[in-house]
Amino acid sequence: MHNFGGSQPLQVQRAVLHRASRYLAGQVPAGSRMSVGHFLKEEAPAGAELDRLRRLGGLAERRGRSLAQLAISWVLRDPRVVSVIVGASSVGQLDQNLDALHGGLLSEKELVEIDLLSR
């Protein structure tokens, strides 16, 4: 048997777990990557997607984490993943991403909740 590890790109996209908390108000914040239009469409989450994000935000908040940190913890739950490729636009954002490593493992109940909200 061969043991292989992999890396998982955690790209900024419209996938539910990859939304930053600042979009939960349903608006695109000035100065954000989405507002400057480099590679993201200027479209804030709305409707069912916004509701799912707010629920995930509640889960992250109960853990004392941000949505981005929750996403990183979720990716790292798989023991085959040996690294996560994150995008950071500042040193502060990189520090916040690295703080996800100190959040502890996600419980089975939390994983089920994330799975249900991600559909």
Foldseek 3Di string as FASTA:
>chain_A
DDQAAAEAELDQDLQLLNDWPVLLVQADDPPDPCNVPPPHPRGGDDDLSSVLNVVCQVVQVVLVATSLLVVLLVVVLDVRYPYYHYDDPDVVRVVNNVCSVVSDHDDPVRVVSNVVSRD
